[in-house]
Amino acid sequence: MLSQERSAKAVVGGDVEGGLRQRAWVEIDLGALAHNVRQLKSLLATKTALMAVVKADAYGHGAVTVARTAVAAGANWLGVATIPEGIELRQAGIEAPILILGATHTPEQLQAIAHWRLQPTLCDAKQAFVFSETLATTKGDRLLVHVKLDTGMSRLGPHWEQAVKFVQLVNSLPHLQIASIYSHLATAESLDRTTMQQQQQRFETAIAQIQAAGISLPPLHLANSAATLTHPDLHYDLVRVGLAIYGLYPAEHLSGSIQLKPVLQVKARVTQVKTIPPNTGVSYGHHFVSDRELGIAVVGIGYADGVPRNLSNHMEVLIRGRRIPQIGAITMDQLMLDVTAIPDLAVGEVVTLLGQEGNEKIAADDWAAVLNTISWEILCGFKHRLPRVAVNGE
């Protein structure tokens, strides 16, 4: 849950700086978020809607505040992975249509979906029958559902060649109404377009076969962030954008398409400053040993907060706009820095782990490159004990 900065000061000493920002925190730039939504909308035709994907607590940014900001900036839809994620948005008073991108199967799940006015993804016949039979006992309105086709992801949905049969089945069930047909791209960020083009061709073929069977087409969607940024022919009636909403590009070669602003920064405070002599080990295992007298700082953030332990001795932070090396093993709640270059550093000063200070910038992509992973995983890794502090609200 995102914590808005408040003008009414609370917590320690009546100061937000001593409360939400006492140890370590995540800053969420709502102005950057709104900017990104508007930039993405500028790429779309008038008929094409924008879905802001806010699953996984909005990629670690705080789902409720991100959803509100995105909708206010022009997003038409919201995408979540689970029913509880959708319920959280509804309980916060958010009225935009919400698509559940993950699978749901049981009558109990369907009852929650209907009650909270969520819209599920349909991916197999058994699920469709369960939903229709359950709705028959509730005497409610027809449920809006979204048909997912597998065009090459090998994840949810019937194989694209069964599209006509599956759509006919869903249309035959009296309590279900197809709100859209969609699929998901597996390699949209790749320079090699072969697989993406194959998926698009399969999607187009399935849609043509559905039309040929005399079925009226609902809205269609296929594009994720990468396809939204570079392939207007994949926009159809709706695009589903996750990473780009948060100001990151799915691949470096996509960075020239529009100007996005990173939304998230991770910051912490210096908790102690000391000097160690030569040949002194630092942290567990003594994987770093000083080769000279060093000034070191202890910072109140660690792997339990989402700073990967495998970054130990392989990361830098920003202090006063300068790059400072991290040394020793990152521990559960703390990490150490070589601050010899800043002899007057004081306890309480702010350290930027991800973000920008002056001309220096450290991005989630930088951590991902060191760890041989993806920026999505980095963003989703920051734990809830880090307060989310909203800044730059519009």
Protein backbone atom coordinates (compact mmCIF):
# COMPACT_ATOMS: atom_id res chain seq x y z
CA MET A 1 0.00 0.00 0.00
CA LEU A 2 1.38 3.40 -0.98
CA SER A 3 1.67 6.06 1.71
CA GLN A 4 0.96 9.58 0.49
CA GLU A 5 3.11 12.38 1.86
CA ARG A 6 0.94 14.46 4.13
CA SER A 7 1.10 18.14 4.95
CA ALA A 8 -0.15 17.26 8.41
CA LYS A 9 3.10 16.06 9.93
CA ALA A 10 2.98 12.92 12.00
CA VAL A 11 5.25 10.27 13.46
CA VAL A 12 8.63 11.06 15.01
CA GLY A 13 8.94 14.64 16.16
CA GLY A 14 6.01 15.66 13.98
CA ASP A 15 8.18 15.22 10.89
CA VAL A 16 7.59 12.97 7.91
CA GLU A 17 11.37 12.80 7.46
CA GLY A 18 11.59 11.01 10.79
CA GLY A 19 8.63 8.76 10.09
CA LEU A 20 8.14 7.21 6.67
CA ARG A 21 11.69 8.19 5.75
CA GLN A 22 13.33 7.17 8.99
CA ARG A 23 15.26 4.11 7.78
CA ALA A 24 14.61 3.18 4.15
CA TRP A 25 11.79 3.83 1.70
CA VAL A 26 10.61 3.78 -1.89
CA GLU A 27 9.69 7.09 -3.51
CA ILE A 28 6.99 7.03 -6.17
CA ASP A 29 6.95 10.02 -8.51
CA LEU A 30 3.30 10.47 -9.46
CA GLY A 31 4.14 13.26 -11.89
CA ALA A 32 6.44 10.90 -13.79
CA LEU A 33 3.75 8.23 -13.78
CA ALA A 34 1.15 10.59 -15.24
CA HIS A 35 3.69 11.77 -17.82
CA ASN A 36 4.33 8.19 -18.92
CA VAL A 37 0.62 7.49 -19.33
CA ARG A 38 0.19 10.59 -21.48
CA GLN A 39 3.23 9.70 -23.58
CA LEU A 40 1.85 6.21 -24.19
CA LYS A 41 -1.59 7.57 -25.06
CA SER A 42 0.05 9.79 -27.68
CA LEU A 43 1.12 6.65 -29.56
CA LEU A 44 -2.41 5.28 -29.84
CA ALA A 45 -5.17 5.84 -32.32
CA THR A 46 -8.34 7.41 -30.95
CA LYS A 47 -10.12 4.05 -31.00
CA THR A 48 -7.39 2.26 -29.03
CA ALA A 49 -7.74 2.12 -25.25
CA LEU A 50 -4.88 1.89 -22.75
CA MET A 51 -4.77 -0.70 -19.98
CA ALA A 52 -2.42 0.07 -17.09
CA VAL A 53 -1.18 -3.25 -15.75
CA VAL A 54 -1.03 -2.88 -11.96
CA LYS A 55 -0.55 -6.51 -10.93
CA ALA A 56 2.03 -7.43 -8.27
CA ASP A 57 1.21 -4.24 -6.32
CA ALA A 58 1.82 -2.23 -9.49
CA TYR A 59 5.23 -3.82 -9.99
CA GLY A 60 6.13 -2.85 -6.44
CA HIS A 61 5.00 0.77 -6.81
CA GLY A 62 1.72 0.55 -4.83
CA ALA A 63 -1.36 -0.54 -6.75
CA VAL A 64 -4.05 1.79 -5.41
CA THR A 65 -2.22 5.08 -5.86
CA VAL A 66 -0.73 4.00 -9.19
CA ALA A 67 -4.17 2.96 -10.47
CA ARG A 68 -5.75 6.24 -9.40
CA THR A 69 -2.98 8.26 -11.00
CA ALA A 70 -2.97 6.24 -14.22
CA VAL A 71 -6.74 6.51 -14.67
CA ALA A 72 -6.67 10.24 -13.95
CA ALA A 73 -3.95 10.62 -16.60
CA GLY A 74 -5.96 8.77 -19.25
CA ALA A 75 -5.73 5.01 -18.74
CA ASN A 76 -9.04 3.35 -19.64
CA TRP A 77 -8.55 -0.10 -18.11
CA LEU A 78 -6.63 -1.74 -15.29
CA GLY A 79 -5.04 -5.18 -15.39
CA VAL A 80 -4.37 -7.41 -12.38
CA ALA A 81 -3.25 -11.00 -11.94
CA THR A 82 -5.46 -12.14 -9.08
CA ILE A 83 -8.88 -11.60 -7.55
CA PRO A 84 -7.52 -10.04 -4.32
CA GLU A 85 -5.60 -7.51 -6.41
CA GLY A 86 -8.84 -6.50 -8.10
CA ILE A 87 -10.75 -6.37 -4.82
CA GLU A 88 -8.12 -4.05 -3.34
CA LEU A 89 -8.76 -1.57 -6.14
CA ARG A 90 -12.54 -1.78 -5.81
CA GLN A 91 -12.35 -1.32 -2.03
CA ALA A 92 -10.34 1.84 -2.67
CA GLY A 93 -13.21 3.20 -4.75
CA ILE A 94 -11.65 2.71 -8.17
CA GLU A 95 -14.38 2.23 -10.79
CA ALA A 96 -12.40 1.60 -14.00
CA PRO A 97 -12.94 -1.80 -15.65
CA ILE A 98 -10.54 -4.41 -14.28
CA LEU A 99 -9.35 -7.46 -16.21
CA ILE A 100 -7.99 -10.43 -14.25
CA LEU A 101 -5.12 -11.67 -16.39
CA GLY A 102 -4.57 -14.85 -14.37
CA ALA A 103 -6.66 -18.02 -14.29
CA THR A 104 -9.69 -18.47 -12.03
CA HIS A 105 -11.68 -21.69 -11.77
CA THR A 106 -13.92 -22.22 -8.76
CA PRO A 107 -17.50 -21.15 -8.01
CA GLU A 108 -16.22 -19.27 -4.95
CA GLN A 109 -13.82 -17.30 -7.11
CA LEU A 110 -16.57 -16.50 -9.57
CA GLN A 111 -18.84 -15.24 -6.82
CA ALA A 112 -16.12 -12.82 -5.72
CA ILE A 113 -15.53 -11.76 -9.33
CA ALA A 114 -19.21 -11.00 -9.86
CA HIS A 115 -19.62 -9.23 -6.52
CA TRP A 116 -16.68 -6.92 -7.13
CA ARG A 117 -17.46 -6.36 -10.82
CA LEU A 118 -14.20 -7.82 -12.07
CA GLN A 119 -13.77 -9.37 -15.50
CA PRO A 120 -12.04 -12.77 -15.73
CA THR A 121 -9.94 -14.39 -18.42
CA LEU A 122 -11.39 -17.58 -19.92
CA CYS A 123 -8.81 -20.14 -20.93
CA ASP A 124 -10.57 -23.53 -21.18
CA ALA A 125 -13.97 -25.18 -21.61
CA LYS A 126 -14.23 -26.56 -18.08
CA GLN A 127 -13.76 -23.10 -16.65
CA ALA A 128 -16.47 -21.72 -18.95
CA PHE A 129 -18.96 -24.40 -17.87
CA VAL A 130 -18.24 -23.84 -14.17
CA PHE A 131 -18.73 -20.11 -14.57
CA SER A 132 -21.98 -20.45 -16.49
CA GLU A 133 -23.44 -23.06 -14.13
CA THR A 134 -22.55 -20.98 -11.09
CA LEU A 135 -24.11 -17.87 -12.58
CA ALA A 136 -27.29 -19.79 -13.34
CA THR A 137 -27.91 -20.07 -9.61
CA THR A 138 -27.32 -16.39 -8.83
CA LYS A 139 -29.82 -14.82 -11.25
CA GLY A 140 -27.36 -12.01 -11.90
CA ASP A 141 -26.42 -10.20 -15.08
CA ARG A 142 -24.35 -11.87 -17.76
CA LEU A 143 -20.70 -11.90 -16.81
CA LEU A 144 -18.22 -10.12 -19.07
CA VAL A 145 -15.36 -12.50 -19.85
CA HIS A 146 -12.21 -12.23 -21.94
CA VAL A 147 -11.10 -15.11 -24.16
CA LYS A 148 -7.37 -15.77 -24.10
CA LEU A 149 -5.77 -17.58 -27.06
CA ASP A 150 -2.37 -19.25 -27.00
CA THR A 151 -0.56 -18.07 -30.12
CA GLY A 152 2.94 -19.03 -28.99
CA MET A 153 3.44 -18.23 -25.32
CA SER A 154 2.44 -21.79 -24.29
CA ARG A 155 0.74 -20.39 -21.24
CA LEU A 156 -2.98 -19.71 -20.71
CA GLY A 157 -5.65 -20.28 -23.33
CA PRO A 158 -6.67 -22.83 -25.93
CA HIS A 159 -4.40 -23.30 -28.93
CA TRP A 160 -5.17 -20.66 -31.53
CA GLU A 161 -6.37 -23.29 -33.99
CA GLN A 162 -9.23 -24.11 -31.58
CA ALA A 163 -10.30 -20.47 -31.37
CA VAL A 164 -13.53 -20.83 -33.33
CA LYS A 165 -14.69 -23.87 -31.38
CA PHE A 166 -13.91 -22.22 -28.04
CA VAL A 167 -15.59 -18.93 -28.91
CA GLN A 168 -18.67 -20.77 -30.17
CA LEU A 169 -18.82 -22.69 -26.89
CA VAL A 170 -18.59 -19.53 -24.79
CA ASN A 171 -21.22 -17.80 -26.93
CA SER A 172 -23.56 -20.76 -26.40
CA LEU A 173 -23.50 -20.35 -22.63
CA PRO A 174 -26.36 -18.08 -21.58
CA HIS A 175 -24.68 -16.36 -18.66
CA LEU A 176 -21.40 -15.34 -20.30
CA GLN A 177 -20.66 -12.47 -22.67
CA ILE A 178 -17.33 -12.17 -24.45
CA ALA A 179 -15.90 -8.71 -23.81
CA SER A 180 -12.66 -9.23 -25.75
CA ILE A 181 -10.39 -11.78 -27.41
CA TYR A 182 -6.68 -11.49 -26.73
CA SER A 183 -3.30 -13.17 -26.71
CA HIS A 184 0.13 -12.42 -25.28
CA LEU A 185 3.44 -11.90 -27.09
CA ALA A 186 6.49 -13.88 -26.02
CA THR A 187 9.32 -11.96 -27.74
CA ALA A 188 8.05 -8.46 -28.49
CA GLU A 189 11.17 -6.82 -27.05
CA SER A 190 13.51 -8.81 -29.32
CA LEU A 191 15.26 -7.34 -32.35
CA ASP A 192 14.39 -10.55 -34.16
CA ARG A 193 10.73 -10.13 -35.10
CA THR A 194 10.23 -13.67 -36.43
CA THR A 195 8.35 -15.12 -33.47
CA MET A 196 6.31 -11.99 -32.89
CA GLN A 197 5.25 -11.88 -36.52
CA GLN A 198 4.31 -15.55 -36.33
CA GLN A 199 2.17 -14.86 -33.28
CA GLN A 200 0.50 -11.94 -34.98
CA GLN A 201 -0.22 -14.07 -38.05
CA ARG A 202 -1.73 -16.80 -35.87
CA PHE A 203 -3.86 -14.24 -34.03
CA GLU A 204 -5.05 -12.71 -37.30
CA THR A 205 -5.84 -16.15 -38.72
CA ALA A 206 -7.86 -17.09 -35.64
CA ILE A 207 -9.78 -13.82 -35.80
CA ALA A 208 -10.50 -14.27 -39.51
CA GLN A 209 -11.80 -17.78 -38.85
CA ILE A 210 -14.04 -16.47 -36.07
CA GLN A 211 -15.45 -13.88 -38.45
CA ALA A 212 -15.91 -16.48 -41.18
CA ALA A 213 -17.99 -18.52 -38.74
CA GLY A 214 -20.43 -15.61 -38.58
CA ILE A 215 -19.42 -14.43 -35.12
CA SER A 216 -19.33 -10.70 -34.42
CA LEU A 217 -15.94 -9.65 -33.17
CA PRO A 218 -15.52 -8.11 -29.72
CA PRO A 219 -12.57 -5.80 -29.02
CA LEU A 220 -9.15 -7.36 -29.69
CA HIS A 221 -5.82 -6.89 -27.92
CA LEU A 222 -2.32 -8.28 -28.28
CA ALA A 223 0.29 -5.60 -27.53
CA ASN A 224 2.36 -5.42 -24.35
CA SER A 225 4.76 -2.55 -23.53
CA ALA A 226 7.30 -3.42 -26.22
CA ALA A 227 4.73 -3.81 -28.99
CA THR A 228 2.93 -0.66 -27.87
CA LEU A 229 6.14 1.36 -28.17
CA THR A 230 7.13 0.22 -31.65
CA HIS A 231 4.39 -1.64 -33.54
CA PRO A 232 1.19 0.32 -34.21
CA ASP A 233 -0.12 -2.57 -36.31
CA LEU A 234 -0.40 -4.58 -33.08
CA HIS A 235 -2.40 -2.00 -31.14
CA TYR A 236 -5.88 -3.20 -32.20
CA ASP A 237 -8.58 -1.96 -29.78
CA LEU A 238 -6.54 -2.02 -26.57
CA VAL A 239 -2.92 -2.18 -25.45
CA ARG A 240 -1.80 -3.67 -22.14
CA VAL A 241 1.14 -1.71 -20.74
CA GLY A 242 3.03 -2.63 -17.61
CA LEU A 243 6.75 -1.82 -17.50
CA ALA A 244 6.56 1.31 -19.65
CA ILE A 245 3.95 2.83 -17.32
CA TYR A 246 6.65 2.77 -14.65
CA GLY A 247 9.16 4.53 -16.87
CA LEU A 248 11.35 1.62 -17.96
CA TYR A 249 11.90 0.27 -21.46
CA PRO A 250 11.59 -3.49 -22.11
CA ALA A 251 14.85 -3.37 -24.08
CA GLU A 252 17.56 -0.78 -24.67
CA HIS A 253 16.83 -0.45 -28.38
CA LEU A 254 13.28 0.68 -27.57
CA SER A 255 14.39 3.72 -25.57
CA GLY A 256 14.13 6.13 -28.50
CA SER A 257 10.42 5.63 -29.12
CA ILE A 258 9.06 8.06 -26.52
CA GLN A 259 10.46 9.78 -23.45
CA LEU A 260 9.62 7.86 -20.30
CA LYS A 261 10.49 8.90 -16.77
CA PRO A 262 11.36 6.33 -14.07
CA VAL A 263 8.73 6.43 -11.36
CA LEU A 264 10.50 4.57 -8.55
CA GLN A 265 13.50 5.51 -6.44
CA VAL A 266 14.89 3.54 -3.50
CA LYS A 267 16.51 5.46 -0.68
CA ALA A 268 17.88 4.79 2.80
CA ARG A 269 19.75 6.59 5.55
CA VAL A 270 23.27 6.31 6.89
CA THR A 271 23.06 4.84 10.39
CA GLN A 272 26.74 4.88 11.40
CA VAL A 273 30.05 6.19 10.06
CA LYS A 274 33.40 4.82 11.19
CA THR A 275 37.02 4.30 10.13
CA ILE A 276 38.59 0.86 9.78
CA PRO A 277 42.32 0.08 9.51
CA PRO A 278 44.00 -1.90 6.72
CA ASN A 279 43.39 -5.67 6.61
CA THR A 280 39.98 -5.43 8.25
CA GLY A 281 37.18 -7.72 7.10
CA VAL A 282 33.75 -6.28 6.39
CA SER A 283 30.45 -8.13 6.94
CA TYR A 284 29.68 -11.86 6.95
CA GLY A 285 32.34 -14.14 5.52
CA HIS A 286 34.83 -11.29 5.19
CA HIS A 287 34.46 -11.38 1.41
CA PHE A 288 35.80 -7.84 1.45
CA VAL A 289 39.00 -6.98 3.31
CA SER A 290 40.31 -3.42 3.37
CA ASP A 291 43.66 -2.83 1.68
CA ARG A 292 44.10 0.54 3.41
CA GLU A 293 42.41 2.70 6.02
CA LEU A 294 38.83 3.25 4.93
CA GLY A 295 35.92 5.34 5.96
CA ILE A 296 32.83 3.16 5.94
CA ALA A 297 29.15 3.86 6.37
CA VAL A 298 26.44 1.49 7.52
CA VAL A 299 23.10 1.95 5.72
CA GLY A 300 19.76 0.70 7.04
CA ILE A 301 18.58 -1.43 4.15
CA GLY A 302 19.30 -5.03 3.17
CA TYR A 303 18.15 -8.11 1.33
CA ALA A 304 15.01 -8.41 3.47
CA ASP A 305 13.96 -5.12 1.90
CA GLY A 306 14.63 -6.31 -1.64
CA VAL A 307 18.28 -5.42 -2.27
CA PRO A 308 19.59 -8.67 -3.77
CA ARG A 309 22.38 -10.25 -1.78
CA ASN A 310 24.11 -11.25 -5.01
CA LEU A 311 24.86 -7.57 -5.61
CA SER A 312 27.34 -7.70 -2.71
CA ASN A 313 30.59 -6.02 -3.77
CA HIS A 314 29.09 -5.40 -7.22
CA MET A 315 26.93 -2.31 -6.75
CA GLU A 316 27.22 1.41 -6.23
CA VAL A 317 24.96 3.94 -4.56
CA LEU A 318 24.63 7.71 -4.84
CA ILE A 319 25.47 10.13 -2.04
CA ARG A 320 25.53 13.87 -2.71
CA GLY A 321 25.45 13.07 -6.42
CA ARG A 322 28.57 10.89 -6.27
CA ARG A 323 28.92 7.18 -6.96
CA ILE A 324 29.99 5.27 -3.86
CA PRO A 325 30.92 1.55 -3.83
CA GLN A 326 29.15 -0.98 -1.64
CA ILE A 327 31.51 -3.32 0.20
CA GLY A 328 31.12 -6.66 1.97
CA ALA A 329 28.14 -8.99 2.03
CA ILE A 330 24.73 -7.32 1.98
CA THR A 331 23.00 -8.45 5.15
CA MET A 332 19.32 -8.88 5.97
CA ASP A 333 18.76 -5.34 7.21
CA GLN A 334 21.96 -3.42 6.48
CA LEU A 335 24.77 -2.90 4.02
CA MET A 336 28.13 -1.14 4.12
CA LEU A 337 29.74 1.45 1.87
CA ASP A 338 33.26 2.72 1.27
CA VAL A 339 32.78 6.44 1.96
CA THR A 340 36.43 7.40 2.14
CA ALA A 341 35.75 9.96 -0.59
CA ILE A 342 33.25 11.79 1.65
CA PRO A 343 35.12 12.35 4.94
CA ASP A 344 32.45 14.65 6.39
CA LEU A 345 29.54 12.23 5.80
CA ALA A 346 27.09 12.32 8.69
CA VAL A 347 24.62 9.88 10.19
CA GLY A 348 21.16 10.48 8.77
CA GLU A 349 22.27 11.47 5.28
CA VAL A 350 20.26 10.01 2.41
CA VAL A 351 21.67 7.27 0.19
CA THR A 352 20.06 6.63 -3.21
CA LEU A 353 20.24 2.99 -4.24
CA LEU A 354 18.04 3.34 -7.32
CA GLY A 355 17.31 6.73 -8.79
CA GLN A 356 19.02 9.93 -9.82
CA GLU A 357 21.08 12.56 -8.03
CA GLY A 358 22.37 15.36 -10.21
CA ASN A 359 23.87 13.88 -13.36
CA GLU A 360 24.33 10.42 -11.87
CA LYS A 361 21.70 7.72 -12.23
CA ILE A 362 21.37 4.10 -11.14
CA ALA A 363 18.51 2.16 -12.74
CA ALA A 364 16.81 -1.16 -12.14
CA ASP A 365 18.30 -2.19 -15.48
CA ASP A 366 21.78 -1.75 -13.99
CA TRP A 367 21.05 -4.18 -11.18
CA ALA A 368 19.38 -6.58 -13.61
CA ALA A 369 22.46 -6.59 -15.86
CA VAL A 370 24.74 -7.51 -12.95
CA LEU A 371 22.37 -10.26 -11.79
CA ASN A 372 21.57 -11.62 -15.27
CA THR A 373 17.87 -11.04 -14.74
CA ILE A 374 15.23 -8.53 -15.87
CA SER A 375 14.15 -5.17 -14.49
CA TRP A 376 10.63 -6.52 -13.85
CA GLU A 377 12.05 -8.84 -11.17
CA ILE A 378 14.03 -6.02 -9.55
CA LEU A 379 10.98 -3.76 -9.26
CA CYS A 380 8.77 -6.51 -7.88
CA GLY A 381 11.35 -7.46 -5.25
CA PHE A 382 11.01 -4.48 -2.91
CA LYS A 383 9.24 -5.63 0.23
CA HIS A 384 6.32 -4.01 2.01
CA ARG A 385 8.37 -3.02 5.03
CA LEU A 386 9.74 -0.27 2.79
CA PRO A 387 7.12 2.51 2.94
CA ARG A 388 5.99 3.79 -0.46
CA VAL A 389 6.12 7.58 -0.31
CA ALA A 390 4.31 9.46 -3.07
CA VAL A 391 5.97 12.64 -4.33
CA ASN A 392 5.29 15.16 -7.08
CA GLY A 393 1.54 14.60 -7.17
CA GLU A 394 -0.33 16.57 -9.81
